[in-house]
């Protein structure tokens, strides 16, 4: 059974690139353009992992995260974060990784594989 990954990013090129790469590796992929769109789509699908951009327009991601239950979340961030800020972001129990953009595709795939077992 293919694992489902939701890609939440306001940048079309990131969404489409990551979707294409993941689908080639056999994952089922759902995309969302921001946190609010993510919450709406969670009513219809239950992803095994959510890859979520930290900085997006609309409701702040830090307000979206607590509303997401039963899904692992890995942040995607272009913003360089200090160790203290990273620790704060990883405090939510379902946050499982913090992936820096731009990311190497092979590294992204390896980290996803590790997260999903």
C-alpha atoms as a PDB file:
ATOM      1  CA  UNK A   1       0.000   0.000   0.000  1.00  0.00           C
ATOM      2  CA  UNK A   2       1.518   3.309  -1.083  1.00  0.00           C
ATOM      3  CA  UNK A   3       2.150   5.877   1.632  1.00  0.00           C
ATOM      4  CA  UNK A   4       0.438   9.235   1.169  1.00  0.00           C
ATOM      5  CA  UNK A   5       2.385  12.471   1.506  1.00  0.00           C
ATOM      6  CA  UNK A   6       0.833  15.929   1.525  1.00  0.00           C
ATOM      7  CA  UNK A   7       3.036  18.733   0.199  1.00  0.00           C
ATOM      8  CA  UNK A   8       1.993  22.127   1.595  1.00  0.00           C
ATOM      9  CA  UNK A   9       3.835  25.018  -0.021  1.00  0.00           C
ATOM     10  CA  UNK A  10       2.775  28.324  -1.528  1.00  0.00           C
ATOM     11  CA  UNK A  11       5.379  28.031  -4.296  1.00  0.00           C
ATOM     12  CA  UNK A  12       4.015  26.187  -7.339  1.00  0.00           C
ATOM     13  CA  UNK A  13       7.455  25.051  -8.508  1.00  0.00           C
ATOM     14  CA  UNK A  14       8.254  23.452  -5.129  1.00  0.00           C
ATOM     15  CA  UNK A  15       4.853  21.690  -5.020  1.00  0.00           C
ATOM     16  CA  UNK A  16       5.117  20.328  -8.553  1.00  0.00           C
ATOM     17  CA  UNK A  17       8.790  19.284  -8.300  1.00  0.00           C
ATOM     18  CA  UNK A  18       8.343  17.481  -4.987  1.00  0.00           C
ATOM     19  CA  UNK A  19       5.081  15.879  -6.198  1.00  0.00           C
ATOM     20  CA  UNK A  20       6.754  14.572  -9.368  1.00  0.00           C
ATOM     21  CA  UNK A  21       9.772  13.193  -7.496  1.00  0.00           C
ATOM     22  CA  UNK A  22       7.652  11.500  -4.821  1.00  0.00           C
ATOM     23  CA  UNK A  23       5.208   9.985  -7.324  1.00  0.00           C
ATOM     24  CA  UNK A  24       8.140   8.509  -9.272  1.00  0.00           C
ATOM     25  CA  UNK A  25       9.166   6.800  -6.023  1.00  0.00           C
ATOM     26  CA  UNK A  26       5.701   5.291  -5.618  1.00  0.00           C
ATOM     27  CA  UNK A  27       4.168   7.664  -3.081  1.00  0.00           C
ATOM     28  CA  UNK A  28       0.619   8.992  -3.407  1.00  0.00           C
ATOM     29  CA  UNK A  29       0.849  12.794  -3.261  1.00  0.00           C
ATOM     30  CA  UNK A  30      -1.704  15.433  -2.317  1.00  0.00           C
ATOM     31  CA  UNK A  31      -0.794  19.113  -2.620  1.00  0.00           C
ATOM     32  CA  UNK A  32      -2.066  22.142  -0.709  1.00  0.00           C
ATOM     33  CA  UNK A  33      -1.228  25.804  -1.327  1.00  0.00           C
ATOM     34  CA  UNK A  34      -1.237  26.917   2.336  1.00  0.00           C
ATOM     35  CA  UNK A  35      -2.166  25.855   5.868  1.00  0.00           C
ATOM     36  CA  UNK A  36      -5.874  26.544   5.465  1.00  0.00           C
ATOM     37  CA  UNK A  37      -5.976  24.494   2.254  1.00  0.00           C
ATOM     38  CA  UNK A  38      -4.107  21.733   4.112  1.00  0.00           C
ATOM     39  CA  UNK A  39      -6.721  21.625   6.892  1.00  0.00           C
ATOM     40  CA  UNK A  40      -9.542  21.479   4.316  1.00  0.00           C
ATOM     41  CA  UNK A  41      -7.899  18.587   2.466  1.00  0.00           C
ATOM     42  CA  UNK A  42      -7.283  16.710   5.729  1.00  0.00           C
ATOM     43  CA  UNK A  43     -11.071  16.225   5.928  1.00  0.00           C
ATOM     44  CA  UNK A  44     -10.834  14.037   2.814  1.00  0.00           C
ATOM     45  CA  UNK A  45      -7.442  12.374   3.130  1.00  0.00           C
ATOM     46  CA  UNK A  46      -5.221  11.065   5.909  1.00  0.00           C
ATOM     47  CA  UNK A  47      -1.595  11.454   4.820  1.00  0.00           C
ATOM     48  CA  UNK A  48       1.195   9.463   6.460  1.00  0.00           C
ATOM     49  CA  UNK A  49       3.426  12.544   6.280  1.00  0.00           C
ATOM     50  CA  UNK A  50       2.940  16.253   5.658  1.00  0.00           C
ATOM     51  CA  UNK A  51       5.819  18.274   4.201  1.00  0.00           C
ATOM     52  CA  UNK A  52       4.975  21.835   5.221  1.00  0.00           C
ATOM     53  CA  UNK A  53       6.608  25.126   4.330  1.00  0.00           C
ATOM     54  CA  UNK A  54       7.059  27.266   7.446  1.00  0.00           C
ATOM     55  CA  UNK A  55       6.456  30.644   5.777  1.00  0.00           C
ATOM     56  CA  UNK A  56       3.208  30.930   3.805  1.00  0.00           C
ATOM     57  CA  UNK A  57       0.475  33.534   3.366  1.00  0.00           C
ATOM     58  CA  UNK A  58      -2.783  33.039   5.252  1.00  0.00           C
ATOM     59  CA  UNK A  59      -3.129  31.584   8.733  1.00  0.00           C
ATOM     60  CA  UNK A  60       0.332  31.306  10.360  1.00  0.00           C
ATOM     61  CA  UNK A  61       1.713  27.765  10.268  1.00  0.00           C
ATOM     62  CA  UNK A  62       2.224  27.795  14.050  1.00  0.00           C
ATOM     63  CA  UNK A  63      -1.576  28.106  14.377  1.00  0.00           C
ATOM     64  CA  UNK A  64      -2.210  25.336  11.820  1.00  0.00           C
ATOM     65  CA  UNK A  65       0.105  22.704  13.347  1.00  0.00           C
ATOM     66  CA  UNK A  66      -1.898  22.160  16.595  1.00  0.00           C
ATOM     67  CA  UNK A  67      -5.022  21.484  14.491  1.00  0.00           C
ATOM     68  CA  UNK A  68      -3.352  18.597  12.661  1.00  0.00           C
ATOM     69  CA  UNK A  69      -3.843  15.288  14.421  1.00  0.00           C
ATOM     70  CA  UNK A  70      -2.592  11.817  13.509  1.00  0.00           C
ATOM     71  CA  UNK A  71      -0.046  12.879  10.879  1.00  0.00           C
ATOM     72  CA  UNK A  72       3.698  13.287  11.027  1.00  0.00           C
ATOM     73  CA  UNK A  73       4.892  16.701   9.869  1.00  0.00           C
ATOM     74  CA  UNK A  74       8.274  17.698   8.473  1.00  0.00           C
ATOM     75  CA  UNK A  75       8.916  21.400   8.030  1.00  0.00           C
ATOM     76  CA  UNK A  76      10.380  22.703   4.794  1.00  0.00           C
ATOM     77  CA  UNK A  77      12.113  26.012   5.350  1.00  0.00           C
ATOM     78  CA  UNK A  78      14.121  28.419   3.271  1.00  0.00           C
ATOM     79  CA  UNK A  79      14.698  30.516   6.393  1.00  0.00           C
ATOM     80  CA  UNK A  80      17.891  29.780   8.273  1.00  0.00           C
ATOM     81  CA  UNK A  81      16.978  29.074  11.856  1.00  0.00           C
ATOM     82  CA  UNK A  82      19.071  29.152  14.976  1.00  0.00           C
ATOM     83  CA  UNK A  83      19.292  26.115  17.227  1.00  0.00           C
ATOM     84  CA  UNK A  84      16.949  27.634  19.844  1.00  0.00           C
ATOM     85  CA  UNK A  85      14.298  28.467  17.253  1.00  0.00           C
ATOM     86  CA  UNK A  86      14.603  25.003  15.709  1.00  0.00           C
ATOM     87  CA  UNK A  87      14.119  23.403  19.142  1.00  0.00           C
ATOM     88  CA  UNK A  88      10.984  25.522  19.638  1.00  0.00           C
ATOM     89  CA  UNK A  89       9.599  24.487  16.229  1.00  0.00           C
ATOM     90  CA  UNK A  90      10.262  20.805  16.900  1.00  0.00           C
ATOM     91  CA  UNK A  91       8.421  20.844  20.266  1.00  0.00           C
ATOM     92  CA  UNK A  92       5.038  19.895  18.817  1.00  0.00           C
ATOM     93  CA  UNK A  93       4.765  16.119  19.177  1.00  0.00           C
ATOM     94  CA  UNK A  94       3.937  15.397  15.537  1.00  0.00           C
ATOM     95  CA  UNK A  95       6.852  17.427  14.100  1.00  0.00           C
ATOM     96  CA  UNK A  96       9.384  14.823  12.998  1.00  0.00           C
ATOM     97  CA  UNK A  97      11.943  16.718  10.915  1.00  0.00           C
ATOM     98  CA  UNK A  98      13.144  20.099   9.722  1.00  0.00           C
ATOM     99  CA  UNK A  99      14.331  20.125   6.097  1.00  0.00           C
ATOM    100  CA  UNK A 100      16.222  23.162   4.843  1.00  0.00           C
ATOM    101  CA  UNK A 101      15.438  24.552   1.359  1.00  0.00           C
ATOM    102  CA  UNK A 102      16.895  24.325  -1.170  1.00  0.00           C
ATOM    103  CA  UNK A 103      17.146  20.601  -0.498  1.00  0.00           C
ATOM    104  CA  UNK A 104      18.950  17.880  -2.337  1.00  0.00           C
ATOM    105  CA  UNK A 105      16.349  15.507  -3.825  1.00  0.00           C
ATOM    106  CA  UNK A 106      18.234  12.382  -2.727  1.00  0.00           C
ATOM    107  CA  UNK A 107      18.537  13.724   0.819  1.00  0.00           C
ATOM    108  CA  UNK A 108      14.832  14.594   0.866  1.00  0.00           C
ATOM    109  CA  UNK A 109      13.914  11.077  -0.283  1.00  0.00           C
ATOM    110  CA  UNK A 110      16.252   9.512   2.252  1.00  0.00           C
ATOM    111  CA  UNK A 111      14.772  11.551   5.109  1.00  0.00           C
ATOM    112  CA  UNK A 112      11.210  10.732   4.038  1.00  0.00           C
ATOM    113  CA  UNK A 113      12.067   7.037   3.875  1.00  0.00           C
ATOM    114  CA  UNK A 114      13.553   7.230   7.396  1.00  0.00           C
ATOM    115  CA  UNK A 115      10.474   9.052   8.768  1.00  0.00           C
ATOM    116  CA  UNK A 116       7.992   6.619   7.211  1.00  0.00           C
ATOM    117  CA  UNK A 117      10.045   3.546   8.080  1.00  0.00           C
END
